[in-house]
Amino acid sequence: QVQLVESGGGLVQPGGSLRLSCAASGRTFSTYRMGWFRQAPGKEREFVATTSRSGASTYYADFVKGRFTISRDNAKNTVYLQMNVLKPEDTAVYYCAARSLTRSGSIYAIEGYDYWGQGAQVTVSS
C-alpha cells in the first residue's frame, strides 16, 4: 500500500505557473505508474497526465499539452506536475494517483488507479 500527499497548490494569476508535488510513502514507489487528475466544482474528476514507472513515457490530456509537464524522482518517492501558462479554467482540486502493476483498466481513467492523495487546490484568478 502507498500513501500520497500533494503539496504546492495555491492562488496564481492567469499566465502564471505552479508546481505541484506528490510525496509517496513506502519503498516501492518505482513500481507504480503515477498520474494526475483534477476536479473542478460541479464537474467530474478528469485525467490530466500520467508517467510510466521509470518516467520515460508520459501522456497528457489535450487541454494541457504544451503547458503542463509531469515528472518523477524515484529516489525521492515524488511525482511532480509543472503547470505553466495557467488559465482560469485550470482552477480545480488536483489529485495524484498511483497505479500498481496488477491494476487493470485504462491509464487515463479513475478506475485505472489504486491509490489517491487528498488533493491540492489550484485557483487561477486575477
C-alpha atoms as a PDB file:
ATOM      1  CA  GLN A   1       0.000   0.000   0.000  1.00  0.00           C
ATOM      2  CA  VAL A   2       1.128   3.572  -0.638  1.00  0.00           C
ATOM      3  CA  GLN A   3       0.067   6.882   0.850  1.00  0.00           C
ATOM      4  CA  LEU A   4       0.150  10.020  -1.279  1.00  0.00           C
ATOM      5  CA  VAL A   5       0.378  13.620  -0.096  1.00  0.00           C
ATOM      6  CA  GLU A   6       0.087  16.542  -2.511  1.00  0.00           C
ATOM      7  CA  SER A   7       1.535  19.999  -1.932  1.00  0.00           C
ATOM      8  CA  GLY A   8       2.237  23.176  -3.854  1.00  0.00           C
ATOM      9  CA  GLY A   9      -1.254  24.340  -4.659  1.00  0.00           C
ATOM     10  CA  GLY A  10      -2.407  27.918  -4.256  1.00  0.00           C
ATOM     11  CA  LEU A  11      -3.674  31.057  -5.932  1.00  0.00           C
ATOM     12  CA  VAL A  12      -1.991  32.254  -9.116  1.00  0.00           C
ATOM     13  CA  GLN A  13      -2.797  34.855 -11.738  1.00  0.00           C
ATOM     14  CA  PRO A  14      -3.659  33.854 -15.298  1.00  0.00           C
ATOM     15  CA  GLY A  15      -0.484  33.168 -17.250  1.00  0.00           C
ATOM     16  CA  GLY A  16       1.396  32.210 -14.111  1.00  0.00           C
ATOM     17  CA  SER A  17       2.996  28.953 -13.031  1.00  0.00           C
ATOM     18  CA  LEU A  18       2.772  26.479 -10.176  1.00  0.00           C
ATOM     19  CA  ARG A  19       4.486  23.208  -9.411  1.00  0.00           C
ATOM     20  CA  LEU A  20       2.594  20.506  -7.582  1.00  0.00           C
ATOM     21  CA  SER A  21       4.416  17.769  -5.712  1.00  0.00           C
ATOM     22  CA  CYS A  22       3.120  14.410  -4.579  1.00  0.00           C
ATOM     23  CA  ALA A  23       5.160  12.549  -1.995  1.00  0.00           C
ATOM     24  CA  ALA A  24       4.622   8.818  -1.638  1.00  0.00           C
ATOM     25  CA  SER A  25       5.289   6.608   1.331  1.00  0.00           C
ATOM     26  CA  GLY A  26       6.884   3.204   1.116  1.00  0.00           C
ATOM     27  CA  ARG A  27       9.861   1.687  -0.636  1.00  0.00           C
ATOM     28  CA  THR A  28       8.100   0.527  -3.800  1.00  0.00           C
ATOM     29  CA  PHE A  29       7.347   3.889  -5.419  1.00  0.00           C
ATOM     30  CA  SER A  30       9.171   2.953  -8.609  1.00  0.00           C
ATOM     31  CA  THR A  31       6.778   0.062  -9.191  1.00  0.00           C
ATOM     32  CA  TYR A  32       3.788   2.396  -9.582  1.00  0.00           C
ATOM     33  CA  ARG A  33       2.658   4.288 -12.628  1.00  0.00           C
ATOM     34  CA  MET A  34       1.716   7.758 -11.405  1.00  0.00           C
ATOM     35  CA  GLY A  35      -0.964  10.095 -12.623  1.00  0.00           C
ATOM     36  CA  TRP A  36      -2.515  13.495 -12.013  1.00  0.00           C
ATOM     37  CA  PHE A  37      -6.245  14.148 -12.213  1.00  0.00           C
ATOM     38  CA  ARG A  38      -8.303  17.210 -11.415  1.00  0.00           C
ATOM     39  CA  GLN A  39     -11.836  18.035 -10.370  1.00  0.00           C
ATOM     40  CA  ALA A  40     -13.445  21.416 -10.840  1.00  0.00           C
ATOM     41  CA  PRO A  41     -16.543  22.436  -8.861  1.00  0.00           C
ATOM     42  CA  GLY A  42     -19.621  20.720 -10.221  1.00  0.00           C
ATOM     43  CA  LYS A  43     -17.629  18.593 -12.636  1.00  0.00           C
ATOM     44  CA  GLU A  44     -16.353  15.050 -12.705  1.00  0.00           C
ATOM     45  CA  ARG A  45     -12.755  14.191 -11.943  1.00  0.00           C
ATOM     46  CA  GLU A  46     -10.733  14.143 -15.164  1.00  0.00           C
ATOM     47  CA  PHE A  47      -7.387  12.874 -16.356  1.00  0.00           C
ATOM     48  CA  VAL A  48      -4.538  15.382 -16.652  1.00  0.00           C
ATOM     49  CA  ALA A  49      -1.265  13.470 -17.083  1.00  0.00           C
ATOM     50  CA  THR A  50       0.470  10.187 -16.373  1.00  0.00           C
ATOM     51  CA  THR A  51       4.029   8.899 -16.280  1.00  0.00           C
ATOM     52  CA  SER A  52       5.422   5.403 -16.524  1.00  0.00           C
ATOM     53  CA  ARG A  53       7.306   3.735 -13.676  1.00  0.00           C
ATOM     54  CA  SER A  54      10.654   4.914 -14.976  1.00  0.00           C
ATOM     55  CA  GLY A  55       9.402   8.304 -16.091  1.00  0.00           C
ATOM     56  CA  ALA A  56      10.444   7.623 -19.666  1.00  0.00           C
ATOM     57  CA  SER A  57       6.892   7.748 -21.044  1.00  0.00           C
ATOM     58  CA  THR A  58       4.365  10.496 -20.386  1.00  0.00           C
ATOM     59  CA  TYR A  59       0.875  11.194 -21.659  1.00  0.00           C
ATOM     60  CA  TYR A  60      -1.268  14.287 -21.352  1.00  0.00           C
ATOM     61  CA  ALA A  61      -4.828  15.408 -21.786  1.00  0.00           C
ATOM     62  CA  ASP A  62      -5.184  17.584 -24.857  1.00  0.00           C
ATOM     63  CA  PHE A  63      -6.142  20.634 -22.827  1.00  0.00           C
ATOM     64  CA  VAL A  64      -2.764  20.710 -21.001  1.00  0.00           C
ATOM     65  CA  LYS A  65      -0.390  19.655 -23.768  1.00  0.00           C
ATOM     66  CA  GLY A  66       2.434  22.126 -24.126  1.00  0.00           C
ATOM     67  CA  ARG A  67       1.620  23.807 -20.798  1.00  0.00           C
ATOM     68  CA  PHE A  68       1.941  21.081 -18.138  1.00  0.00           C
ATOM     69  CA  THR A  69       4.800  18.652 -17.545  1.00  0.00           C
ATOM     70  CA  ILE A  70       4.684  15.540 -15.380  1.00  0.00           C
ATOM     71  CA  SER A  71       7.920  14.158 -13.977  1.00  0.00           C
ATOM     72  CA  ARG A  72       9.071  11.905 -11.188  1.00  0.00           C
ATOM     73  CA  ASP A  73      12.072  11.368  -8.968  1.00  0.00           C
ATOM     74  CA  ASN A  74      12.080   7.761  -7.818  1.00  0.00           C
ATOM     75  CA  ALA A  75      14.952   8.417  -5.404  1.00  0.00           C
ATOM     76  CA  LYS A  76      12.735  10.939  -3.611  1.00  0.00           C
ATOM     77  CA  ASN A  77       9.467   9.000  -3.985  1.00  0.00           C
ATOM     78  CA  THR A  78       7.922  12.086  -5.557  1.00  0.00           C
ATOM     79  CA  VAL A  79       5.980  12.935  -8.680  1.00  0.00           C
ATOM     80  CA  TYR A  80       5.606  16.499  -9.917  1.00  0.00           C
ATOM     81  CA  LEU A  81       3.257  18.471 -12.110  1.00  0.00           C
ATOM     82  CA  GLN A  82       4.758  21.659 -13.504  1.00  0.00           C
ATOM     83  CA  MET A  83       1.936  23.906 -14.676  1.00  0.00           C
ATOM     84  CA  ASN A  84       2.703  26.888 -16.895  1.00  0.00           C
ATOM     85  CA  VAL A  85       0.540  29.445 -18.697  1.00  0.00           C
ATOM     86  CA  LEU A  86      -2.270  28.741 -16.276  1.00  0.00           C
ATOM     87  CA  LYS A  87      -5.808  29.656 -17.249  1.00  0.00           C
ATOM     88  CA  PRO A  88      -8.887  30.300 -15.093  1.00  0.00           C
ATOM     89  CA  GLU A  89     -10.353  27.047 -16.420  1.00  0.00           C
ATOM     90  CA  ASP A  90      -7.457  25.177 -14.808  1.00  0.00           C
ATOM     91  CA  THR A  91      -8.962  26.001 -11.409  1.00  0.00           C
ATOM     92  CA  ALA A  92      -9.640  22.698  -9.669  1.00  0.00           C
ATOM     93  CA  VAL A  93      -8.560  20.332  -6.947  1.00  0.00           C
ATOM     94  CA  TYR A  94      -5.620  18.347  -8.296  1.00  0.00           C
ATOM     95  CA  TYR A  95      -5.126  14.758  -7.210  1.00  0.00           C
ATOM     96  CA  CYS A  96      -2.183  12.460  -7.672  1.00  0.00           C
ATOM     97  CA  ALA A  97      -2.801   8.762  -8.074  1.00  0.00           C
ATOM     98  CA  ALA A  98      -0.777   5.551  -8.110  1.00  0.00           C
ATOM     99  CA  ARG A  99      -1.406   2.502 -10.280  1.00  0.00           C
ATOM    100  CA  SER A 100       0.011  -0.840  -9.188  1.00  0.00           C
ATOM    101  CA  LEU A 101       1.487  -3.447 -11.506  1.00  0.00           C
ATOM    102  CA  THR A 102      -1.591  -5.623 -11.219  1.00  0.00           C
ATOM    103  CA  ARG A 103      -4.166  -2.915 -11.821  1.00  0.00           C
ATOM    104  CA  SER A 104      -6.268  -3.225 -14.958  1.00  0.00           C
ATOM    105  CA  GLY A 105      -8.206  -0.578 -16.804  1.00  0.00           C
ATOM    106  CA  SER A 106      -7.277   2.489 -18.756  1.00  0.00           C
ATOM    107  CA  ILE A 107      -4.369   4.615 -17.538  1.00  0.00           C
ATOM    108  CA  TYR A 108      -6.490   7.625 -18.495  1.00  0.00           C
ATOM    109  CA  ALA A 109      -9.382   6.698 -16.214  1.00  0.00           C
ATOM    110  CA  ILE A 110     -10.032   6.995 -12.498  1.00  0.00           C
ATOM    111  CA  GLU A 111     -10.658   3.265 -12.367  1.00  0.00           C
ATOM    112  CA  GLY A 112      -7.119   2.613 -13.558  1.00  0.00           C
ATOM    113  CA  TYR A 113      -5.537   3.732 -10.281  1.00  0.00           C
ATOM    114  CA  ASP A 114      -5.372   2.134  -6.865  1.00  0.00           C
ATOM    115  CA  TYR A 115      -4.386   4.938  -4.513  1.00  0.00           C
ATOM    116  CA  TRP A 116      -5.201   8.628  -4.279  1.00  0.00           C
ATOM    117  CA  GLY A 117      -3.958  11.660  -2.443  1.00  0.00           C
ATOM    118  CA  GLN A 118      -6.172  14.105  -0.600  1.00  0.00           C
ATOM    119  CA  GLY A 119      -5.931  16.757  -3.295  1.00  0.00           C
ATOM    120  CA  ALA A 120      -4.412  20.216  -3.670  1.00  0.00           C
ATOM    121  CA  GLN A 121      -6.450  23.300  -4.559  1.00  0.00           C
ATOM    122  CA  VAL A 122      -5.263  25.323  -7.526  1.00  0.00           C
ATOM    123  CA  THR A 123      -7.039  28.612  -8.178  1.00  0.00           C
ATOM    124  CA  VAL A 124      -6.250  30.709 -11.227  1.00  0.00           C
ATOM    125  CA  SER A 125      -7.707  34.170 -10.890  1.00  0.00           C
ATOM    126  CA  SER A 126      -6.782  37.807 -11.225  1.00  0.00           C
END
